[in-house]
Amino acid sequence: MPPATPPVPDRSSTIASALRSAIVDGRLMVGDRLPSETELAEQYGVSRPTVREALKRLAAQSLIRTRRGASGGAFVNHLSYDAAHDQQITTGVLLLSMNAISFDVACEARFAMERACAPLACARRNEAQLRCMRTEVARQSDPGLTDEAFCASDVAFHRALVDAAGNPVLSWQLAGAVEAMQPLMNMITFTARSRARIVALHGRIVDAAEAMDVSTCDTALRDLESYTVEVHAAVMAQRAEKACSVR
């Protein structure tokens, strides 16, 4: 039996990878204009539609921007943490959903990263961030709050805690943990968790941040992690029991 023919490489992907490397390595700097589609087509020996597809890949990653007109073309983009925020969340959601990450693994990762922010948040938090966290705690205490609104407030609370660390790299990295992992975790546990218990833990966290008490903040986050795992286990047990009863 003849050996299988190796797959033909995707030329647009190859071109996009080469241009991405040039941007990352600094051979193409922010604001630089890329060669035209015609020039790139000649350089790589491909058609202009293939080049256009490669440029679309780079634009989807916010690495380049395009401008029309006589002075137009494709230019290396200035990528900010804010601009990369949504992409990080989307990537986090896809990784969790497509790779079947277990709840316990996601929970462990999320809280481990959030606890890493606690010392910095306690040292650097400002009044606006403390006020934001207390506003969310008050909102969560409203018995008329819908489950969807409670979950959104839950995310906003932890987002404020992470941002209080005052480190844009941590905030960007944790966008996937807080704003991707947490909503997925909430979807599983919201039916069984006690809002009062979560509100109490959130209150301990913001009190500790205001007092610059790193130890208490870390302990409260650990307690919240333990409770989250506990609720998840209870939900799974109920589902298993229900499945058995149906049989």
C-alpha atoms as a PDB file:
ATOM      1  CA  MET A   1       0.000   0.000   0.000  1.00  0.00           C
ATOM      2  CA  PRO A   2       1.551   3.333  -1.039  1.00  0.00           C
ATOM      3  CA  PRO A   3       2.204   5.856   1.730  1.00  0.00           C
ATOM      4  CA  ALA A   4      -0.474   8.447   2.288  1.00  0.00           C
ATOM      5  CA  THR A   5       0.048  11.698   0.439  1.00  0.00           C
ATOM      6  CA  PRO A   6       0.912  14.465   2.889  1.00  0.00           C
ATOM      7  CA  PRO A   7      -1.691  17.227   3.034  1.00  0.00           C
ATOM      8  CA  VAL A   8      -1.059  20.269   0.891  1.00  0.00           C
ATOM      9  CA  PRO A   9      -0.203  23.184   3.185  1.00  0.00           C
ATOM     10  CA  ASP A  10      -2.718  26.004   3.352  1.00  0.00           C
ATOM     11  CA  ARG A  11      -0.873  28.814   1.559  1.00  0.00           C
ATOM     12  CA  SER A  12      -2.935  31.606   3.129  1.00  0.00           C
ATOM     13  CA  SER A  13      -2.151  30.194   6.576  1.00  0.00           C
ATOM     14  CA  THR A  14       1.565  29.999   5.710  1.00  0.00           C
ATOM     15  CA  ILE A  15       1.598  33.623   4.541  1.00  0.00           C
ATOM     16  CA  ALA A  16      -0.333  34.789   7.604  1.00  0.00           C
ATOM     17  CA  SER A  17       2.132  32.944   9.851  1.00  0.00           C
ATOM     18  CA  ALA A  18       5.118  34.554   8.121  1.00  0.00           C
ATOM     19  CA  LEU A  19       3.645  38.038   8.431  1.00  0.00           C
ATOM     20  CA  ARG A  20       2.658  37.393  12.049  1.00  0.00           C
ATOM     21  CA  SER A  21       6.244  36.376  12.828  1.00  0.00           C
ATOM     22  CA  ALA A  22       7.535  39.556  11.186  1.00  0.00           C
ATOM     23  CA  ILE A  23       5.226  41.624  13.405  1.00  0.00           C
ATOM     24  CA  VAL A  24       6.076  39.724  16.601  1.00  0.00           C
ATOM     25  CA  ASP A  25       9.822  39.829  15.854  1.00  0.00           C
ATOM     26  CA  GLY A  26       9.714  43.567  15.233  1.00  0.00           C
ATOM     27  CA  ARG A  27      10.647  43.414  11.566  1.00  0.00           C
ATOM     28  CA  LEU A  28       7.288  45.062  10.937  1.00  0.00           C
ATOM     29  CA  MET A  29       6.593  47.801  13.483  1.00  0.00           C
ATOM     30  CA  VAL A  30       3.350  49.416  14.656  1.00  0.00           C
ATOM     31  CA  GLY A  31       2.088  51.715  11.900  1.00  0.00           C
ATOM     32  CA  ASP A  32       4.199  50.114   9.161  1.00  0.00           C
ATOM     33  CA  ARG A  33       2.442  49.525   5.865  1.00  0.00           C
ATOM     34  CA  LEU A  34       2.535  45.955   4.610  1.00  0.00           C
ATOM     35  CA  PRO A  35       3.427  45.275   0.969  1.00  0.00           C
ATOM     36  CA  SER A  36       0.436  45.497  -1.361  1.00  0.00           C
ATOM     37  CA  GLU A  37      -1.634  42.428  -2.250  1.00  0.00           C
ATOM     38  CA  THR A  38       0.054  42.340  -5.646  1.00  0.00           C
ATOM     39  CA  GLU A  39       3.539  42.517  -4.114  1.00  0.00           C
ATOM     40  CA  LEU A  40       2.749  39.799  -1.587  1.00  0.00           C
ATOM     41  CA  ALA A  41       1.220  37.614  -4.318  1.00  0.00           C
ATOM     42  CA  GLU A  42       4.424  37.895  -6.353  1.00  0.00           C
ATOM     43  CA  GLN A  43       6.628  37.349  -3.297  1.00  0.00           C
ATOM     44  CA  TYR A  44       4.879  34.131  -2.292  1.00  0.00           C
ATOM     45  CA  GLY A  45       3.887  32.955  -5.760  1.00  0.00           C
ATOM     46  CA  VAL A  46       0.163  32.846  -5.053  1.00  0.00           C
ATOM     47  CA  SER A  47      -2.998  34.571  -6.232  1.00  0.00           C
ATOM     48  CA  ARG A  48      -4.286  37.809  -4.749  1.00  0.00           C
ATOM     49  CA  PRO A  49      -7.369  36.064  -3.231  1.00  0.00           C
ATOM     50  CA  THR A  50      -4.965  33.814  -1.307  1.00  0.00           C
ATOM     51  CA  VAL A  51      -3.117  36.883  -0.004  1.00  0.00           C
ATOM     52  CA  ARG A  52      -6.430  38.518   0.841  1.00  0.00           C
ATOM     53  CA  GLU A  53      -7.402  35.484   2.917  1.00  0.00           C
ATOM     54  CA  ALA A  54      -4.076  35.676   4.788  1.00  0.00           C
ATOM     55  CA  LEU A  55      -4.672  39.340   5.562  1.00  0.00           C
ATOM     56  CA  LYS A  56      -8.171  38.543   6.821  1.00  0.00           C
ATOM     57  CA  ARG A  57      -6.636  36.080   9.289  1.00  0.00           C
ATOM     58  CA  LEU A  58      -4.305  38.767  10.633  1.00  0.00           C
ATOM     59  CA  ALA A  59      -7.125  41.307  10.845  1.00  0.00           C
ATOM     60  CA  ALA A  60      -9.243  38.816  12.815  1.00  0.00           C
ATOM     61  CA  GLN A  61      -6.413  38.688  15.359  1.00  0.00           C
ATOM     62  CA  SER A  62      -6.297  42.520  15.446  1.00  0.00           C
ATOM     63  CA  LEU A  63      -2.683  42.416  14.226  1.00  0.00           C
ATOM     64  CA  ILE A  64      -3.385  44.606  11.196  1.00  0.00           C
ATOM     65  CA  ARG A  65      -5.923  47.219  10.121  1.00  0.00           C
ATOM     66  CA  THR A  66      -6.866  48.168   6.591  1.00  0.00           C
ATOM     67  CA  ARG A  67      -7.501  51.584   5.101  1.00  0.00           C
ATOM     68  CA  ARG A  68      -9.056  52.436   1.749  1.00  0.00           C
ATOM     69  CA  GLY A  69      -7.979  55.101  -0.711  1.00  0.00           C
ATOM     70  CA  ALA A  70      -4.792  56.196  -2.437  1.00  0.00           C
ATOM     71  CA  SER A  71      -2.842  56.126   0.823  1.00  0.00           C
ATOM     72  CA  GLY A  72      -4.586  52.990   1.991  1.00  0.00           C
ATOM     73  CA  GLY A  73      -3.475  49.424   2.449  1.00  0.00           C
ATOM     74  CA  ALA A  74      -2.816  47.104   5.374  1.00  0.00           C
ATOM     75  CA  PHE A  75      -0.984  48.514   8.392  1.00  0.00           C
ATOM     76  CA  VAL A  76       0.416  46.930  11.546  1.00  0.00           C
ATOM     77  CA  ASN A  77      -2.102  47.657  14.275  1.00  0.00           C
ATOM     78  CA  HIS A  78      -1.438  49.049  17.732  1.00  0.00           C
ATOM     79  CA  LEU A  79      -2.820  46.231  19.852  1.00  0.00           C
ATOM     80  CA  SER A  80      -4.001  47.332  23.296  1.00  0.00           C
ATOM     81  CA  TYR A  81      -4.996  45.159  26.245  1.00  0.00           C
ATOM     82  CA  ASP A  82      -8.550  46.468  25.955  1.00  0.00           C
ATOM     83  CA  ALA A  83      -8.700  45.499  22.289  1.00  0.00           C
ATOM     84  CA  ALA A  84      -7.427  41.999  23.090  1.00  0.00           C
ATOM     85  CA  HIS A  85      -9.855  41.579  25.990  1.00  0.00           C
ATOM     86  CA  ASP A  86     -12.803  40.146  24.034  1.00  0.00           C
ATOM     87  CA  GLN A  87     -10.522  37.866  22.035  1.00  0.00           C
ATOM     88  CA  GLN A  88      -9.139  36.409  25.267  1.00  0.00           C
ATOM     89  CA  ILE A  89     -12.660  35.716  26.547  1.00  0.00           C
ATOM     90  CA  THR A  90     -13.684  34.057  23.266  1.00  0.00           C
ATOM     91  CA  THR A  91     -10.545  31.914  23.300  1.00  0.00           C
ATOM     92  CA  GLY A  92     -11.231  30.880  26.896  1.00  0.00           C
ATOM     93  CA  VAL A  93     -14.802  29.858  26.135  1.00  0.00           C
ATOM     94  CA  LEU A  94     -13.731  27.845  23.067  1.00  0.00           C
ATOM     95  CA  LEU A  95     -10.922  26.078  24.947  1.00  0.00           C
ATOM     96  CA  LEU A  96     -13.249  25.055  27.742  1.00  0.00           C
ATOM     97  CA  SER A  97     -16.090  23.924  25.493  1.00  0.00           C
ATOM     98  CA  MET A  98     -14.063  22.226  22.742  1.00  0.00           C
ATOM     99  CA  ASN A  99     -11.539  20.468  24.977  1.00  0.00           C
ATOM    100  CA  ALA A 100     -14.034  19.236  27.563  1.00  0.00           C
ATOM    101  CA  ILE A 101     -12.178  20.732  30.532  1.00  0.00           C
ATOM    102  CA  SER A 102     -13.634  19.368  33.749  1.00  0.00           C
ATOM    103  CA  PHE A 103     -15.392  21.676  36.179  1.00  0.00           C
ATOM    104  CA  ASP A 104     -12.848  20.979  38.920  1.00  0.00           C
ATOM    105  CA  VAL A 105      -9.907  21.796  36.638  1.00  0.00           C
ATOM    106  CA  ALA A 106     -11.520  25.067  35.478  1.00  0.00           C
ATOM    107  CA  CYS A 107     -12.418  26.000  39.046  1.00  0.00           C
ATOM    108  CA  GLU A 108      -8.915  25.258  40.322  1.00  0.00           C
ATOM    109  CA  ALA A 109      -7.291  27.314  37.549  1.00  0.00           C
ATOM    110  CA  ARG A 110      -9.615  30.264  37.913  1.00  0.00           C
ATOM    111  CA  PHE A 111      -9.247  30.626  41.676  1.00  0.00           C
ATOM    112  CA  ALA A 112      -5.499  29.968  41.631  1.00  0.00           C
ATOM    113  CA  MET A 113      -5.055  32.881  39.213  1.00  0.00           C
ATOM    114  CA  GLU A 114      -7.476  35.108  41.100  1.00  0.00           C
ATOM    115  CA  ARG A 115      -5.727  34.436  44.416  1.00  0.00           C
ATOM    116  CA  ALA A 116      -2.473  35.478  42.742  1.00  0.00           C
ATOM    117  CA  CYS A 117      -4.062  38.910  42.266  1.00  0.00           C
ATOM    118  CA  ALA A 118      -5.197  39.226  45.894  1.00  0.00           C
ATOM    119  CA  PRO A 119      -1.948  40.611  47.394  1.00  0.00           C
ATOM    120  CA  LEU A 120      -1.674  43.246  44.667  1.00  0.00           C
ATOM    121  CA  ALA A 121      -5.393  44.091  44.878  1.00  0.00           C
ATOM    122  CA  CYS A 122      -5.149  44.584  48.645  1.00  0.00           C
ATOM    123  CA  ALA A 123      -2.142  46.859  48.226  1.00  0.00           C
ATOM    124  CA  ARG A 124      -3.337  48.896  45.235  1.00  0.00           C
ATOM    125  CA  ARG A 125      -7.140  49.000  45.323  1.00  0.00           C
ATOM    126  CA  ASN A 126      -8.698  52.433  45.005  1.00  0.00           C
ATOM    127  CA  GLU A 127     -11.991  53.853  46.202  1.00  0.00           C
ATOM    128  CA  ALA A 128     -13.683  53.436  42.826  1.00  0.00           C
ATOM    129  CA  GLN A 129     -12.847  49.717  42.721  1.00  0.00           C
ATOM    130  CA  LEU A 130     -13.969  49.168  46.321  1.00  0.00           C
ATOM    131  CA  ARG A 131     -17.180  51.054  45.564  1.00  0.00           C
ATOM    132  CA  CYS A 132     -17.744  48.880  42.475  1.00  0.00           C
ATOM    133  CA  MET A 133     -17.340  45.677  44.497  1.00  0.00           C
ATOM    134  CA  ARG A 134     -19.657  46.931  47.258  1.00  0.00           C
ATOM    135  CA  THR A 135     -22.229  47.980  44.660  1.00  0.00           C
ATOM    136  CA  GLU A 136     -22.233  44.453  43.240  1.00  0.00           C
ATOM    137  CA  VAL A 137     -22.543  42.917  46.730  1.00  0.00           C
ATOM    138  CA  ALA A 138     -25.568  45.162  47.381  1.00  0.00           C
ATOM    139  CA  ARG A 139     -27.060  44.196  44.007  1.00  0.00           C
ATOM    140  CA  GLN A 140     -26.581  40.503  44.743  1.00  0.00           C
ATOM    141  CA  SER A 141     -28.434  40.949  48.050  1.00  0.00           C
ATOM    142  CA  ASP A 142     -31.621  41.943  46.214  1.00  0.00           C
ATOM    143  CA  PRO A 143     -33.993  38.948  46.445  1.00  0.00           C
ATOM    144  CA  GLY A 144     -35.742  40.075  43.260  1.00  0.00           C
ATOM    145  CA  LEU A 145     -32.573  39.865  41.175  1.00  0.00           C
ATOM    146  CA  THR A 146     -32.868  37.356  38.325  1.00  0.00           C
ATOM    147  CA  ASP A 147     -30.431  34.465  38.053  1.00  0.00           C
ATOM    148  CA  GLU A 148     -28.981  35.986  34.885  1.00  0.00           C
ATOM    149  CA  ALA A 149     -28.453  39.370  36.553  1.00  0.00           C
ATOM    150  CA  PHE A 150     -26.944  37.712  39.631  1.00  0.00           C
ATOM    151  CA  CYS A 151     -24.436  35.850  37.468  1.00  0.00           C
ATOM    152  CA  ALA A 152     -23.539  39.068  35.617  1.00  0.00           C
ATOM    153  CA  SER A 153     -23.040  40.833  38.945  1.00  0.00           C
ATOM    154  CA  ASP A 154     -20.897  37.925  40.142  1.00  0.00           C
ATOM    155  CA  VAL A 155     -18.599  38.378  37.135  1.00  0.00           C
ATOM    156  CA  ALA A 156     -18.480  42.169  37.615  1.00  0.00           C
ATOM    157  CA  PHE A 157     -17.464  41.736  41.266  1.00  0.00           C
ATOM    158  CA  HIS A 158     -14.531  39.483  40.468  1.00  0.00           C
ATOM    159  CA  ARG A 159     -13.560  41.607  37.477  1.00  0.00           C
ATOM    160  CA  ALA A 160     -13.251  44.594  39.831  1.00  0.00           C
ATOM    161  CA  LEU A 161     -11.115  42.570  42.254  1.00  0.00           C
ATOM    162  CA  VAL A 162      -8.767  41.499  39.471  1.00  0.00           C
ATOM    163  CA  ASP A 163      -8.533  45.026  38.051  1.00  0.00           C
ATOM    164  CA  ALA A 164      -7.735  46.333  41.547  1.00  0.00           C
ATOM    165  CA  ALA A 165      -4.363  44.572  41.215  1.00  0.00           C
ATOM    166  CA  GLY A 166      -3.427  47.410  38.874  1.00  0.00           C
ATOM    167  CA  ASN A 167      -1.620  45.137  36.433  1.00  0.00           C
ATOM    168  CA  PRO A 168      -2.952  45.189  32.839  1.00  0.00           C
ATOM    169  CA  VAL A 169      -1.226  41.910  31.969  1.00  0.00           C
ATOM    170  CA  LEU A 170      -2.966  40.116  34.845  1.00  0.00           C
ATOM    171  CA  SER A 171      -6.287  41.743  33.947  1.00  0.00           C
ATOM    172  CA  TRP A 172      -5.932  40.590  30.351  1.00  0.00           C
ATOM    173  CA  GLN A 173      -4.870  37.067  31.303  1.00  0.00           C
ATOM    174  CA  LEU A 174      -7.706  36.743  33.800  1.00  0.00           C
ATOM    175  CA  ALA A 175     -10.318  37.921  31.306  1.00  0.00           C
ATOM    176  CA  GLY A 176     -10.511  34.305  30.143  1.00  0.00           C
ATOM    177  CA  ALA A 177     -10.687  32.995  33.713  1.00  0.00           C
ATOM    178  CA  VAL A 178     -13.221  35.413  35.162  1.00  0.00           C
ATOM    179  CA  GLU A 179     -15.331  36.297  32.138  1.00  0.00           C
ATOM    180  CA  ALA A 180     -15.188  32.951  30.337  1.00  0.00           C
ATOM    181  CA  MET A 181     -14.797  30.287  33.041  1.00  0.00           C
ATOM    182  CA  GLN A 182     -17.044  31.874  35.641  1.00  0.00           C
ATOM    183  CA  PRO A 183     -20.186  32.218  33.476  1.00  0.00           C
ATOM    184  CA  LEU A 184     -19.824  28.577  32.413  1.00  0.00           C
ATOM    185  CA  MET A 185     -19.404  27.546  36.054  1.00  0.00           C
ATOM    186  CA  ASN A 186     -22.417  29.648  37.046  1.00  0.00           C
ATOM    187  CA  MET A 187     -24.563  27.905  34.438  1.00  0.00           C
ATOM    188  CA  ILE A 188     -23.966  24.602  36.234  1.00  0.00           C
ATOM    189  CA  THR A 189     -24.236  25.708  39.853  1.00  0.00           C
ATOM    190  CA  PHE A 190     -26.793  28.534  39.927  1.00  0.00           C
ATOM    191  CA  THR A 191     -29.757  26.254  40.705  1.00  0.00           C
ATOM    192  CA  ALA A 192     -28.193  24.826  43.867  1.00  0.00           C
ATOM    193  CA  ARG A 193     -26.030  27.556  45.334  1.00  0.00           C
ATOM    194  CA  SER A 194     -26.988  29.824  48.209  1.00  0.00           C
ATOM    195  CA  ARG A 195     -26.960  33.470  47.209  1.00  0.00           C
ATOM    196  CA  ALA A 196     -26.687  34.490  50.859  1.00  0.00           C
ATOM    197  CA  ARG A 197     -23.528  32.444  51.292  1.00  0.00           C
ATOM    198  CA  ILE A 198     -21.936  33.907  48.164  1.00  0.00           C
ATOM    199  CA  VAL A 199     -22.887  37.444  49.219  1.00  0.00           C
ATOM    200  CA  ALA A 200     -21.301  36.826  52.618  1.00  0.00           C
ATOM    201  CA  LEU A 201     -18.078  35.569  51.020  1.00  0.00           C
ATOM    202  CA  HIS A 202     -18.001  38.502  48.615  1.00  0.00           C
ATOM    203  CA  GLY A 203     -18.471  40.818  51.582  1.00  0.00           C
ATOM    204  CA  ARG A 204     -15.485  39.233  53.338  1.00  0.00           C
ATOM    205  CA  ILE A 205     -13.363  39.667  50.207  1.00  0.00           C
ATOM    206  CA  VAL A 206     -14.109  43.372  49.744  1.00  0.00           C
ATOM    207  CA  ASP A 207     -13.724  44.035  53.493  1.00  0.00           C
ATOM    208  CA  ALA A 208     -10.311  42.362  53.401  1.00  0.00           C
ATOM    209  CA  ALA A 209      -9.304  44.332  50.295  1.00  0.00           C
ATOM    210  CA  GLU A 210     -10.297  47.584  51.951  1.00  0.00           C
ATOM    211  CA  ALA A 211      -8.353  46.645  55.106  1.00  0.00           C
ATOM    212  CA  MET A 212      -5.394  45.528  52.965  1.00  0.00           C
ATOM    213  CA  ASP A 213      -5.652  42.156  54.710  1.00  0.00           C
ATOM    214  CA  VAL A 214      -4.092  39.713  52.223  1.00  0.00           C
ATOM    215  CA  SER A 215      -4.479  36.629  54.438  1.00  0.00           C
ATOM    216  CA  THR A 216      -8.216  37.124  54.989  1.00  0.00           C
ATOM    217  CA  CYS A 217      -8.791  37.896  51.300  1.00  0.00           C
ATOM    218  CA  ASP A 218      -6.970  34.715  50.288  1.00  0.00           C
ATOM    219  CA  THR A 219      -8.892  32.636  52.841  1.00  0.00           C
ATOM    220  CA  ALA A 220     -12.225  34.011  51.612  1.00  0.00           C
ATOM    221  CA  LEU A 221     -11.316  33.156  48.017  1.00  0.00           C
ATOM    222  CA  ARG A 222     -10.333  29.641  49.091  1.00  0.00           C
ATOM    223  CA  ASP A 223     -13.633  29.281  50.941  1.00  0.00           C
ATOM    224  CA  LEU A 224     -15.492  30.453  47.847  1.00  0.00           C
ATOM    225  CA  GLU A 225     -13.626  27.899  45.741  1.00  0.00           C
ATOM    226  CA  SER A 226     -14.443  25.101  48.212  1.00  0.00           C
ATOM    227  CA  TYR A 227     -18.109  26.098  48.243  1.00  0.00           C
ATOM    228  CA  THR A 228     -18.232  26.232  44.429  1.00  0.00           C
ATOM    229  CA  VAL A 229     -16.780  22.711  44.203  1.00  0.00           C
ATOM    230  CA  GLU A 230     -19.200  21.539  46.890  1.00  0.00           C
ATOM    231  CA  VAL A 231     -22.230  22.911  45.034  1.00  0.00           C
ATOM    232  CA  HIS A 232     -21.046  21.370  41.773  1.00  0.00           C
ATOM    233  CA  ALA A 233     -20.714  17.959  43.439  1.00  0.00           C
ATOM    234  CA  ALA A 234     -24.246  18.266  44.806  1.00  0.00           C
ATOM    235  CA  VAL A 235     -25.629  19.189  41.375  1.00  0.00           C
ATOM    236  CA  MET A 236     -23.892  16.232  39.742  1.00  0.00           C
ATOM    237  CA  ALA A 237     -25.179  13.869  42.445  1.00  0.00           C
ATOM    238  CA  GLN A 238     -28.733  15.106  41.905  1.00  0.00           C
ATOM    239  CA  ARG A 239     -28.426  14.611  38.161  1.00  0.00           C
ATOM    240  CA  ALA A 240     -27.082  11.084  38.627  1.00  0.00           C
ATOM    241  CA  GLU A 241     -29.894  10.237  41.035  1.00  0.00           C
ATOM    242  CA  LYS A 242     -32.472  11.608  38.609  1.00  0.00           C
ATOM    243  CA  ALA A 243     -30.986   9.612  35.742  1.00  0.00           C
ATOM    244  CA  CYS A 244     -31.139   6.412  37.805  1.00  0.00           C
ATOM    245  CA  SER A 245     -34.754   7.026  38.763  1.00  0.00           C
ATOM    246  CA  VAL A 246     -35.712   7.493  35.108  1.00  0.00           C
ATOM    247  CA  ARG A 247     -34.260   4.081  34.268  1.00  0.00           C
END
